[in-house]
Amino acid sequence: MNDPLPARVVRTKVPARLDRLPWSRWHWLIIIGLGTVWILDGLEVTIVSAVAGRLTEPGSGLALGAAQIGFAGAIYISGAVSGALFFGYLADRYGRKKLFLITLILYLAATVLTAFATSAWWFYLCRFFTGAGIGGEYAAVNSAIDELIPARLRGRVALLINGSYWIGTACGAGLAVILLDTDIFAADLGWRLAFGLGAILGLGVLLVRRHVPESPRWLYIHGRAREAEALVDGIEKEIETKLGEPLPEAETSITVRQRASIGFITIARTMFKVYPQRAFLCFSLFAGQAFLYNAIFFTYVLVLTTFYRVPAGTAPLYLIPFAIGNFLGPALLGPLFDTIGRRAMISGTYILAGLLLAGTGYLFVQGVLTAVTQTLAWMVIFFFASAGASAAYLTSSEVFPMEIRALAIAFFFAIGTAVGGISGPLVFGALIETGRAADVFMGYLLGAGLMIAAGLVEVFIGVDAERKSLEDIATPLTAEQAYQA
């Protein structure tokens, strides 16, 4: 920092200092402050899915048609895609902290207003902005996770936080059964309370998140090197006080030419000309998991009610074990992504999930499964698929340079959601509507094929990013060596 360098050129050890930190209370604060929003996301999506039937009833206060419910779902997805791209770019330009506060506030406001919806257009508008807030969270929060968590632990923490979505799903499924019970709440009140509850929980998250710092990596690149150094000094002092001894000296440093922003031409060139294989890798991972998840999750209850005659009122309860399997996958397999490695674990989870889905589909079409055994089969499939899907976010956030990290996450999330997230429910919905198990089996084979194909792409062009500094995986665009290349 004190070496004589040209103006706006700084040498810093901030990345190495962050990566060599022992696990501490400060890191737990990061997990709580950033990870709890995924619980809200899971709660939000599950409740909306569960209350869809109630919203079509005359006494609900909205009385939407089935087509309008479907349109509201498309509006939410379009909001998530738009929010991811818009806020992803702003997170790279104006900072992680500022954006993940703004996106959470947007989510809170839109959710509260949804509870007071009295017309279809009001409901649509609120769904769009709720989706925009959540979409923005994906980019800003995943960027912050990678840039604040030590390299040796980055994989397991990222998977654990992204997997916490399914805690919200389990809670949402249980709450939906209670809130939709007309013996407890009126038909036009229960679903409104569901949205209001999500907002209350979100407010608690906002209070905690205020204490999550800006990324020091972002600060030193954007002309705020002194602030970055002071922030890391404070973190180190807190940890050293707890340990009772000084931390070892960080060895490696990086020299950067600070700049306020990166233009779209530079972003596009970096993503598709400098790193074309990594771009294709991220697209494959996102598209495969988006098709599988959106196809299965949004038609989950429909399969149970159509083929297994499960009553609509109790069908959401089957989402609870499904959600548990989805959470346990990232939580238990996460450490292996840092030890065995990214390539082996990502390809393995994708391919295994695809093979298991194909096998389960065969048992389904043979008519040997029940509602319980079908749910157990999905638990096993998504134990692996959930870990792989969470790793897709991890991959897109760590294989591109610091300056375009948030936008890269947003871009591949948006493309994957647009390709797989929209087509999946449409394809499966149409296949289930035929009432023929053989037709649904073809959909399962399609989802399995996409997962296996994505896993094979990871085998051949995956990035071995485990335990490596972000700057070693992708040299920052502002690094001195980038200018000399």
Protein backbone atom coordinates (compact mmCIF):
# COMPACT_ATOMS: atom_id res chain seq x y z
CA MET A 1 0.00 0.00 0.00
CA ASN A 2 2.81 2.45 0.80
CA ASP A 3 4.98 1.69 -2.27
CA PRO A 4 5.36 4.60 -4.70
CA LEU A 5 2.88 3.77 -7.47
CA PRO A 6 1.10 5.89 -10.09
CA ALA A 7 -2.16 7.55 -9.08
CA ARG A 8 -5.10 5.14 -8.76
CA VAL A 9 -2.77 2.14 -8.91
CA VAL A 10 -2.67 0.24 -5.62
CA ARG A 11 -0.95 -2.86 -4.30
CA THR A 12 -2.93 -4.75 -1.70
CA LYS A 13 -2.95 -8.00 0.25
CA VAL A 14 -6.68 -7.82 0.97
CA PRO A 15 -7.62 -11.03 -0.95
CA ALA A 16 -4.87 -13.08 0.71
CA ARG A 17 -5.73 -11.64 4.12
CA LEU A 18 -9.38 -12.61 3.74
CA ASP A 19 -8.57 -16.11 2.46
CA ARG A 20 -6.24 -16.96 5.35
CA LEU A 21 -8.71 -15.94 8.11
CA PRO A 22 -9.78 -18.70 10.53
CA TRP A 23 -13.50 -19.32 10.85
CA SER A 24 -15.01 -16.86 13.30
CA ARG A 25 -18.15 -15.22 14.66
CA TRP A 26 -17.80 -12.67 11.87
CA HIS A 27 -18.25 -15.39 9.24
CA TRP A 28 -21.37 -16.67 10.99
CA LEU A 29 -22.76 -13.14 10.75
CA ILE A 30 -22.19 -13.28 7.00
CA ILE A 31 -24.04 -16.60 6.71
CA ILE A 32 -27.01 -15.35 8.76
CA GLY A 33 -27.17 -11.96 7.09
CA LEU A 34 -26.92 -13.25 3.53
CA GLY A 35 -28.32 -16.77 3.73
CA THR A 36 -31.64 -16.17 5.42
CA VAL A 37 -33.07 -14.47 2.35
CA TRP A 38 -33.10 -17.82 0.55
CA ILE A 39 -35.33 -19.15 3.31
CA LEU A 40 -37.69 -16.28 2.49
CA ASP A 41 -37.49 -17.11 -1.22
CA GLY A 42 -38.43 -20.73 -0.57
CA LEU A 43 -41.24 -19.63 1.73
CA GLU A 44 -42.51 -17.16 -0.87
CA VAL A 45 -42.54 -19.54 -3.84
CA THR A 46 -44.09 -22.41 -1.86
CA ILE A 47 -46.85 -20.30 -0.34
CA VAL A 48 -47.80 -18.87 -3.72
CA SER A 49 -47.93 -22.37 -5.19
CA ALA A 50 -50.02 -23.61 -2.26
CA VAL A 51 -52.50 -20.72 -2.25
CA ALA A 52 -53.07 -20.86 -6.01
CA GLY A 53 -56.17 -23.00 -5.59
CA ARG A 54 -57.62 -20.66 -2.98
CA LEU A 55 -57.14 -17.61 -5.20
CA THR A 56 -59.41 -19.17 -7.84
CA GLU A 57 -62.30 -19.42 -5.40
CA PRO A 58 -65.09 -16.77 -5.39
CA GLY A 59 -64.65 -15.90 -1.70
CA SER A 60 -60.90 -15.29 -1.87
CA GLY A 61 -61.13 -11.59 -2.60
CA LEU A 62 -59.43 -12.02 -5.98
CA ALA A 63 -61.16 -14.93 -7.74
CA LEU A 64 -58.47 -15.36 -10.39
CA GLY A 65 -58.87 -17.91 -13.16
CA ALA A 66 -56.46 -20.81 -13.69
CA ALA A 67 -54.95 -19.02 -16.69
CA GLN A 68 -54.42 -15.90 -14.59
CA ILE A 69 -52.61 -17.94 -11.94
CA GLY A 70 -50.30 -19.27 -14.63
CA PHE A 71 -49.76 -15.77 -15.97
CA ALA A 72 -48.88 -14.55 -12.47
CA GLY A 73 -46.22 -17.27 -12.30
CA ALA A 74 -44.76 -16.12 -15.61
CA ILE A 75 -44.81 -12.53 -14.35
CA TYR A 76 -42.86 -13.56 -11.24
CA ILE A 77 -40.23 -15.34 -13.35
CA SER A 78 -39.92 -12.38 -15.72
CA GLY A 79 -39.47 -10.12 -12.71
CA ALA A 80 -36.74 -12.39 -11.32
CA VAL A 81 -34.92 -12.42 -14.66
CA SER A 82 -35.21 -8.64 -15.09
CA GLY A 83 -34.19 -7.98 -11.49
CA ALA A 84 -31.18 -10.27 -11.74
CA LEU A 85 -29.83 -8.50 -14.82
CA PHE A 86 -30.62 -4.96 -13.66
CA PHE A 87 -29.42 -5.29 -10.08
CA GLY A 88 -26.54 -7.57 -11.08
CA TYR A 89 -25.05 -4.80 -13.20
CA LEU A 90 -25.62 -2.26 -10.44
CA ALA A 91 -24.00 -4.56 -7.84
CA ASP A 92 -20.81 -4.64 -9.90
CA ARG A 93 -20.91 -0.88 -10.35
CA TYR A 94 -22.13 0.43 -6.98
CA GLY A 95 -21.25 -2.35 -4.55
CA ARG A 96 -22.64 -5.54 -3.04
CA LYS A 97 -23.93 -4.14 0.24
CA LYS A 98 -25.89 -1.26 -1.23
CA LEU A 99 -27.64 -3.56 -3.67
CA PHE A 100 -28.48 -6.43 -1.34
CA LEU A 101 -30.10 -3.90 0.97
CA ILE A 102 -32.08 -2.33 -1.88
CA THR A 103 -33.22 -5.67 -3.29
CA LEU A 104 -34.39 -6.89 0.12
CA ILE A 105 -36.34 -3.67 0.70
CA LEU A 106 -37.96 -4.07 -2.73
CA TYR A 107 -38.92 -7.65 -1.85
CA LEU A 108 -40.43 -6.53 1.46
CA ALA A 109 -42.47 -3.72 -0.07
CA ALA A 110 -43.82 -5.87 -2.90
CA THR A 111 -44.72 -8.73 -0.55
CA VAL A 112 -46.60 -6.44 1.84
CA LEU A 113 -48.54 -4.91 -1.03
CA THR A 114 -49.42 -8.38 -2.35
CA ALA A 115 -51.27 -9.07 0.89
CA PHE A 116 -53.59 -6.15 0.09
CA ALA A 117 -54.24 -7.07 -3.56
CA THR A 118 -57.87 -6.64 -4.62
CA SER A 119 -57.50 -7.04 -8.39
CA ALA A 120 -55.56 -9.10 -10.89
CA TRP A 121 -53.40 -6.23 -12.17
CA TRP A 122 -52.38 -5.32 -8.61
CA PHE A 123 -51.45 -8.95 -7.93
CA TYR A 124 -49.44 -9.14 -11.19
CA LEU A 125 -47.55 -5.92 -10.45
CA CYS A 126 -46.64 -7.07 -6.95
CA ARG A 127 -45.52 -10.45 -8.24
CA PHE A 128 -43.24 -8.79 -10.79
CA PHE A 129 -41.48 -6.61 -8.23
CA THR A 130 -41.28 -9.44 -5.71
CA GLY A 131 -39.51 -11.48 -8.38
CA ALA A 132 -37.26 -8.53 -9.23
CA GLY A 133 -36.16 -8.25 -5.62
CA ILE A 134 -35.41 -11.96 -5.36
CA GLY A 135 -33.61 -11.99 -8.72
CA GLY A 136 -31.40 -9.12 -7.61
CA GLU A 137 -30.58 -11.04 -4.45
CA TYR A 138 -29.10 -13.94 -6.42
CA ALA A 139 -26.45 -11.72 -7.99
CA ALA A 140 -25.52 -9.43 -5.09
CA VAL A 141 -25.59 -12.07 -2.34
CA ASN A 142 -23.68 -14.80 -4.19
CA SER A 143 -21.00 -12.24 -5.12
CA ALA A 144 -20.66 -11.19 -1.49
CA ILE A 145 -20.44 -14.82 -0.31
CA ASP A 146 -17.53 -15.61 -2.60
CA GLU A 147 -15.67 -12.40 -1.81
CA LEU A 148 -16.00 -12.61 1.99
CA ILE A 149 -15.57 -16.35 2.71
CA PRO A 150 -12.05 -17.93 2.83
CA ALA A 151 -11.13 -19.84 -0.32
CA ARG A 152 -10.74 -23.18 1.48
CA LEU A 153 -14.38 -23.00 2.68
CA ARG A 154 -16.05 -21.16 -0.19
CA GLY A 155 -17.72 -24.19 -1.76
CA ARG A 156 -19.41 -25.60 1.33
CA VAL A 157 -20.60 -22.20 2.54
CA ALA A 158 -22.03 -21.24 -0.85
CA LEU A 159 -23.88 -24.56 -1.12
CA LEU A 160 -25.21 -24.34 2.44
CA ILE A 161 -26.54 -20.82 1.92
CA ASN A 162 -28.14 -21.57 -1.44
CA GLY A 163 -29.56 -24.82 -0.09
CA SER A 164 -31.28 -22.98 2.77
CA TYR A 165 -33.98 -22.11 0.22
CA TRP A 166 -35.50 -25.49 1.02
CA ILE A 167 -35.87 -24.69 4.71
CA GLY A 168 -38.28 -21.98 3.57
CA THR A 169 -40.02 -24.47 1.29
CA ALA A 170 -40.65 -26.88 4.16
CA CYS A 171 -41.91 -24.06 6.39
CA GLY A 172 -44.09 -22.69 3.61
CA ALA A 173 -45.72 -26.05 2.97
CA GLY A 174 -46.56 -26.49 6.63
CA LEU A 175 -47.83 -22.94 7.05
CA ALA A 176 -49.98 -23.20 3.94
CA VAL A 177 -51.96 -26.10 5.38
CA ILE A 178 -52.73 -24.03 8.50
CA LEU A 179 -53.38 -20.69 6.82
CA LEU A 180 -55.68 -22.21 4.20
CA ASP A 181 -57.81 -24.03 6.76
CA THR A 182 -61.13 -22.18 6.59
CA ASP A 183 -62.01 -23.45 10.06
CA ILE A 184 -59.19 -21.22 11.35
CA PHE A 185 -58.99 -18.34 8.87
CA ALA A 186 -61.55 -16.89 6.49
CA ALA A 187 -61.09 -17.71 2.80
CA ASP A 188 -60.13 -14.11 1.99
CA LEU A 189 -57.74 -13.74 4.97
CA GLY A 190 -55.47 -16.79 5.22
CA TRP A 191 -53.59 -16.24 1.97
CA ARG A 192 -53.08 -12.55 2.82
CA LEU A 193 -51.59 -13.49 6.18
CA ALA A 194 -49.20 -15.81 4.36
CA PHE A 195 -47.72 -12.89 2.42
CA GLY A 196 -47.70 -10.68 5.50
CA LEU A 197 -45.76 -13.30 7.45
CA GLY A 198 -43.09 -13.41 4.77
CA ALA A 199 -42.69 -9.64 5.02
CA ILE A 200 -42.32 -9.76 8.80
CA LEU A 201 -39.57 -12.37 8.53
CA GLY A 202 -37.90 -10.30 5.82
CA LEU A 203 -37.84 -7.26 8.08
CA GLY A 204 -35.91 -9.28 10.66
CA VAL A 205 -33.40 -10.28 7.98
CA LEU A 206 -33.00 -6.63 6.99
CA LEU A 207 -32.09 -5.66 10.56
CA VAL A 208 -29.37 -8.33 10.64
CA ARG A 209 -28.11 -7.58 7.15
CA ARG A 210 -27.36 -3.96 7.97
CA HIS A 211 -24.27 -5.22 9.79
CA VAL A 212 -22.88 -7.20 6.84
CA PRO A 213 -19.97 -5.15 5.40
CA GLU A 214 -19.21 -4.21 1.84
CA SER A 215 -16.87 -6.56 0.00
CA PRO A 216 -13.27 -5.37 0.61
CA ARG A 217 -12.38 -6.81 -2.79
CA TRP A 218 -14.95 -4.55 -4.43
CA LEU A 219 -13.76 -1.54 -2.41
CA TYR A 220 -10.10 -1.62 -3.41
CA ILE A 221 -10.93 -2.02 -7.10
CA HIS A 222 -13.33 0.92 -7.04
CA GLY A 223 -11.02 3.55 -5.60
CA ARG A 224 -11.67 2.90 -1.89
CA ALA A 225 -8.49 1.04 -0.97
CA ARG A 226 -8.06 2.73 2.42
CA GLU A 227 -11.59 1.73 3.38
CA ALA A 228 -10.91 -1.86 2.30
CA GLU A 229 -7.72 -2.02 4.35
CA ALA A 230 -9.43 -0.52 7.41
CA LEU A 231 -12.30 -2.99 7.14
CA VAL A 232 -9.98 -6.00 7.00
CA ASP A 233 -7.89 -4.52 9.85
CA GLY A 234 -11.02 -4.45 12.00
CA ILE A 235 -11.95 -8.06 11.15
CA GLU A 236 -8.43 -9.26 11.93
CA LYS A 237 -8.32 -7.37 15.22
CA GLU A 238 -11.62 -8.96 16.32
CA ILE A 239 -10.35 -12.45 15.46
CA GLU A 240 -6.94 -11.92 17.06
CA THR A 241 -8.61 -10.73 20.27
CA LYS A 242 -10.68 -13.89 20.33
CA LEU A 243 -7.68 -16.14 19.58
CA GLY A 244 -5.31 -14.37 21.96
CA GLU A 245 -2.52 -14.38 19.37
CA PRO A 246 -1.67 -12.58 16.11
CA LEU A 247 -2.66 -14.02 12.75
CA PRO A 248 0.07 -15.18 10.36
CA GLU A 249 1.19 -12.62 7.82
CA ALA A 250 -0.50 -12.81 4.39
CA GLU A 251 2.09 -13.46 1.72
CA THR A 252 0.67 -12.67 -1.71
CA SER A 253 -0.39 -9.27 -3.00
CA ILE A 254 -2.09 -7.94 -6.12
CA THR A 255 -1.67 -4.65 -7.94
CA VAL A 256 -4.71 -3.07 -9.58
CA ARG A 257 -5.55 0.05 -11.54
CA GLN A 258 -8.67 1.34 -9.88
CA ARG A 259 -11.66 2.31 -12.00
CA ALA A 260 -15.24 3.26 -11.19
CA SER A 261 -17.01 1.03 -13.69
CA ILE A 262 -16.62 -1.49 -16.52
CA GLY A 263 -18.37 -0.90 -19.86
CA PHE A 264 -20.75 -3.39 -21.45
CA ILE A 265 -18.39 -4.00 -24.40
CA THR A 266 -15.61 -5.03 -22.01
CA ILE A 267 -18.04 -7.22 -20.07
CA ALA A 268 -19.28 -8.99 -23.20
CA ARG A 269 -15.75 -9.44 -24.54
CA THR A 270 -14.54 -10.91 -21.26
CA MET A 271 -17.44 -13.29 -20.90
CA PHE A 272 -17.66 -14.61 -24.45
CA LYS A 273 -14.25 -14.01 -26.03
CA VAL A 274 -11.81 -14.40 -23.15
CA TYR A 275 -13.79 -17.12 -21.32
CA PRO A 276 -16.09 -18.76 -23.93
CA GLN A 277 -15.75 -22.28 -22.45
CA ARG A 278 -16.66 -21.02 -18.99
CA ALA A 279 -19.67 -19.22 -20.43
CA PHE A 280 -20.88 -22.42 -22.12
CA LEU A 281 -20.26 -24.36 -18.91
CA CYS A 282 -22.37 -21.97 -16.83
CA PHE A 283 -25.16 -21.96 -19.40
CA SER A 284 -25.25 -25.77 -19.45
CA LEU A 285 -25.37 -26.07 -15.67
CA PHE A 286 -28.07 -23.43 -15.25
CA ALA A 287 -30.28 -24.62 -18.10
CA GLY A 288 -30.17 -28.25 -16.96
CA GLN A 289 -31.04 -27.58 -13.34
CA ALA A 290 -33.62 -24.89 -14.20
CA PHE A 291 -35.57 -27.27 -16.45
CA LEU A 292 -35.45 -30.09 -13.92
CA TYR A 293 -36.40 -28.01 -10.90
CA ASN A 294 -39.11 -25.89 -12.42
CA ALA A 295 -40.63 -28.88 -14.23
CA ILE A 296 -40.79 -31.09 -11.15
CA PHE A 297 -41.46 -28.50 -8.45
CA PHE A 298 -44.25 -26.57 -10.15
CA THR A 299 -46.07 -29.79 -11.14
CA TYR A 300 -45.26 -31.73 -7.95
CA VAL A 301 -48.72 -31.43 -6.43
CA LEU A 302 -50.35 -32.00 -9.82
CA VAL A 303 -48.62 -35.38 -10.23
CA LEU A 304 -49.73 -36.43 -6.75
CA THR A 305 -53.36 -35.43 -7.28
CA THR A 306 -53.62 -36.74 -10.86
CA PHE A 307 -51.82 -40.07 -10.68
CA TYR A 308 -51.92 -40.95 -6.97
CA ARG A 309 -55.29 -39.41 -6.05
CA VAL A 310 -53.83 -37.45 -3.15
CA PRO A 311 -56.40 -34.90 -1.85
CA ALA A 312 -55.51 -31.34 -2.85
CA GLY A 313 -55.77 -30.16 0.74
CA THR A 314 -53.05 -32.49 2.01
CA ALA A 315 -50.84 -32.61 -1.09
CA PRO A 316 -48.62 -29.68 0.09
CA LEU A 317 -47.52 -31.81 3.04
CA TYR A 318 -45.63 -34.04 0.61
CA LEU A 319 -43.43 -31.04 -0.18
CA ILE A 320 -41.92 -31.19 3.31
CA PRO A 321 -39.89 -34.41 2.87
CA PHE A 322 -39.03 -33.29 -0.67
CA ALA A 323 -37.66 -30.02 0.76
CA ILE A 324 -35.72 -31.86 3.47
CA GLY A 325 -33.92 -33.94 0.84
CA ASN A 326 -33.10 -30.80 -1.13
CA PHE A 327 -31.58 -29.11 1.93
CA LEU A 328 -29.62 -32.11 3.17
CA GLY A 329 -27.87 -32.54 -0.20
CA PRO A 330 -25.97 -29.21 -0.17
CA ALA A 331 -25.53 -29.32 3.62
CA LEU A 332 -23.96 -32.81 3.72
CA LEU A 333 -22.21 -32.91 0.34
CA GLY A 334 -20.98 -29.30 0.45
CA PRO A 335 -17.63 -30.03 2.19
CA LEU A 336 -16.75 -32.52 -0.58
CA PHE A 337 -16.84 -29.70 -3.14
CA ASP A 338 -13.84 -28.20 -1.29
CA THR A 339 -11.98 -31.49 -0.77
CA ILE A 340 -12.73 -33.90 -3.63
CA GLY A 341 -13.16 -30.88 -5.89
CA ARG A 342 -15.62 -29.00 -8.08
CA ARG A 343 -15.28 -31.02 -11.28
CA ALA A 344 -15.83 -34.44 -9.72
CA MET A 345 -18.65 -33.36 -7.42
CA ILE A 346 -20.59 -31.17 -9.87
CA SER A 347 -20.42 -33.72 -12.69
CA GLY A 348 -21.18 -36.55 -10.28
CA THR A 349 -24.25 -34.92 -8.73
CA TYR A 350 -25.67 -33.88 -12.12
CA ILE A 351 -25.14 -37.26 -13.79
CA LEU A 352 -26.32 -39.27 -10.80
CA ALA A 353 -29.45 -37.14 -10.44
CA GLY A 354 -30.19 -37.66 -14.13
CA LEU A 355 -29.75 -41.43 -13.94
CA LEU A 356 -31.90 -41.67 -10.81
CA LEU A 357 -34.62 -39.58 -12.44
CA ALA A 358 -34.67 -41.87 -15.49
CA GLY A 359 -34.88 -44.93 -13.24
CA THR A 360 -37.66 -43.43 -11.14
CA GLY A 361 -39.52 -42.47 -14.30
CA TYR A 362 -39.40 -46.10 -15.43
CA LEU A 363 -40.84 -47.27 -12.09
CA PHE A 364 -43.50 -44.56 -12.38
CA VAL A 365 -44.66 -45.67 -15.82
CA GLN A 366 -44.71 -49.29 -14.65
CA GLY A 367 -47.17 -48.28 -11.94
CA VAL A 368 -45.19 -49.75 -9.04
CA LEU A 369 -44.85 -46.51 -7.06
CA THR A 370 -47.20 -44.99 -4.52
CA ALA A 371 -47.45 -41.37 -3.39
CA VAL A 372 -45.09 -42.19 -0.51
CA THR A 373 -42.50 -44.12 -2.53
CA GLN A 374 -42.65 -41.52 -5.30
CA THR A 375 -41.87 -38.83 -2.74
CA LEU A 376 -39.03 -40.89 -1.28
CA ALA A 377 -37.60 -41.35 -4.78
CA TRP A 378 -37.75 -37.60 -5.40
CA MET A 379 -36.01 -37.03 -2.05
CA VAL A 380 -33.07 -39.16 -3.17
CA ILE A 381 -32.92 -37.64 -6.65
CA PHE A 382 -32.94 -34.08 -5.40
CA PHE A 383 -30.51 -34.81 -2.58
CA PHE A 384 -27.93 -34.91 -5.37
CA ALA A 385 -29.61 -32.51 -7.80
CA SER A 386 -29.88 -29.78 -5.16
CA ALA A 387 -26.16 -29.91 -4.41
CA GLY A 388 -25.42 -29.70 -8.14
CA ALA A 389 -27.86 -26.86 -8.71
CA SER A 390 -26.38 -24.85 -5.84
CA ALA A 391 -22.95 -25.44 -7.36
CA ALA A 392 -24.16 -23.84 -10.60
CA TYR A 393 -24.46 -20.53 -8.74
CA LEU A 394 -21.07 -21.12 -7.14
CA THR A 395 -19.48 -21.82 -10.52
CA SER A 396 -20.81 -18.73 -12.26
CA SER A 397 -19.73 -16.57 -9.34
CA GLU A 398 -16.13 -17.76 -9.10
CA VAL A 399 -14.95 -18.43 -12.68
CA PHE A 400 -15.24 -14.86 -13.98
CA PRO A 401 -13.24 -11.76 -12.99
CA MET A 402 -14.17 -9.73 -9.94
CA GLU A 403 -15.48 -6.77 -11.93
CA ILE A 404 -18.22 -8.73 -13.73
CA ARG A 405 -19.00 -11.35 -11.07
CA ALA A 406 -22.49 -10.20 -10.10
CA LEU A 407 -23.55 -9.63 -13.69
CA ALA A 408 -22.22 -13.06 -14.71
CA ILE A 409 -24.35 -14.72 -12.02
CA ALA A 410 -27.34 -12.65 -13.11
CA PHE A 411 -26.84 -13.36 -16.81
CA PHE A 412 -26.62 -17.14 -16.53
CA PHE A 413 -29.42 -17.27 -13.97
CA ALA A 414 -31.57 -15.25 -16.37
CA ILE A 415 -30.72 -17.33 -19.44
CA GLY A 416 -31.09 -20.61 -17.58
CA THR A 417 -34.40 -19.55 -16.07
CA ALA A 418 -35.69 -18.27 -19.41
CA VAL A 419 -34.73 -21.48 -21.23
CA GLY A 420 -35.36 -24.16 -18.62
CA GLY A 421 -37.55 -22.37 -16.10
CA ILE A 422 -40.25 -21.42 -18.57
CA SER A 423 -40.16 -24.48 -20.83
CA GLY A 424 -40.05 -27.02 -17.99
CA PRO A 425 -43.46 -26.28 -16.41
CA LEU A 426 -45.07 -25.84 -19.83
CA VAL A 427 -43.81 -29.20 -21.09
CA PHE A 428 -44.65 -31.12 -17.93
CA GLY A 429 -47.99 -29.40 -17.49
CA ALA A 430 -49.03 -30.46 -20.97
CA LEU A 431 -47.78 -34.03 -20.45
CA ILE A 432 -49.56 -34.41 -17.10
CA GLU A 433 -52.77 -33.02 -18.59
CA THR A 434 -52.93 -36.01 -20.97
CA GLY A 435 -53.37 -38.26 -17.92
CA ARG A 436 -51.01 -40.84 -19.45
CA ALA A 437 -48.04 -41.97 -17.36
CA ALA A 438 -46.09 -42.86 -20.51
CA ASP A 439 -46.23 -39.22 -21.66
CA VAL A 440 -44.96 -37.97 -18.29
CA PHE A 441 -42.17 -40.55 -18.46
CA MET A 442 -40.95 -38.92 -21.68
CA GLY A 443 -40.73 -35.63 -19.79
CA TYR A 444 -38.69 -37.30 -17.05
CA LEU A 445 -36.32 -38.69 -19.69
CA LEU A 446 -35.90 -35.21 -21.17
CA GLY A 447 -35.05 -33.73 -17.76
CA ALA A 448 -32.66 -36.61 -17.05
CA GLY A 449 -30.95 -36.13 -20.41
CA LEU A 450 -30.37 -32.42 -19.81
CA MET A 451 -28.87 -33.09 -16.36
CA ILE A 452 -26.58 -35.82 -17.68
CA ALA A 453 -25.49 -33.63 -20.60
CA ALA A 454 -24.65 -30.75 -18.23
CA GLY A 455 -22.69 -33.17 -16.04
CA LEU A 456 -20.66 -34.31 -19.04
CA VAL A 457 -19.90 -30.70 -19.97
CA GLU A 458 -18.53 -30.25 -16.44
CA VAL A 459 -16.35 -33.35 -16.87
CA PHE A 460 -14.62 -31.94 -19.94
CA ILE A 461 -14.44 -28.18 -19.34
CA GLY A 462 -15.15 -27.75 -15.61
CA VAL A 463 -12.91 -25.41 -13.60
CA ASP A 464 -10.92 -26.81 -10.68
CA ALA A 465 -11.61 -23.84 -8.40
CA GLU A 466 -11.50 -25.59 -5.02
CA ARG A 467 -9.36 -23.90 -2.33
CA LYS A 468 -8.09 -21.32 -4.84
CA SER A 469 -8.23 -17.57 -4.43
CA LEU A 470 -10.78 -15.89 -6.69
CA GLU A 471 -7.96 -13.84 -8.20
CA ASP A 472 -6.10 -17.04 -9.17
CA ILE A 473 -9.20 -18.52 -10.82
CA ALA A 474 -9.85 -15.41 -12.94
CA THR A 475 -7.44 -12.47 -12.99
CA PRO A 476 -9.29 -9.20 -12.26
CA LEU A 477 -9.68 -6.97 -15.32
CA THR A 478 -8.12 -4.13 -13.34
CA ALA A 479 -5.06 -6.16 -12.29
CA GLU A 480 -1.72 -4.84 -13.51
CA GLN A 481 -0.95 -8.11 -15.27
CA ALA A 482 -4.21 -7.81 -17.19
CA TYR A 483 -2.99 -4.53 -18.66
CA GLN A 484 0.38 -6.04 -19.51
CA ALA A 485 -1.12 -9.14 -21.18
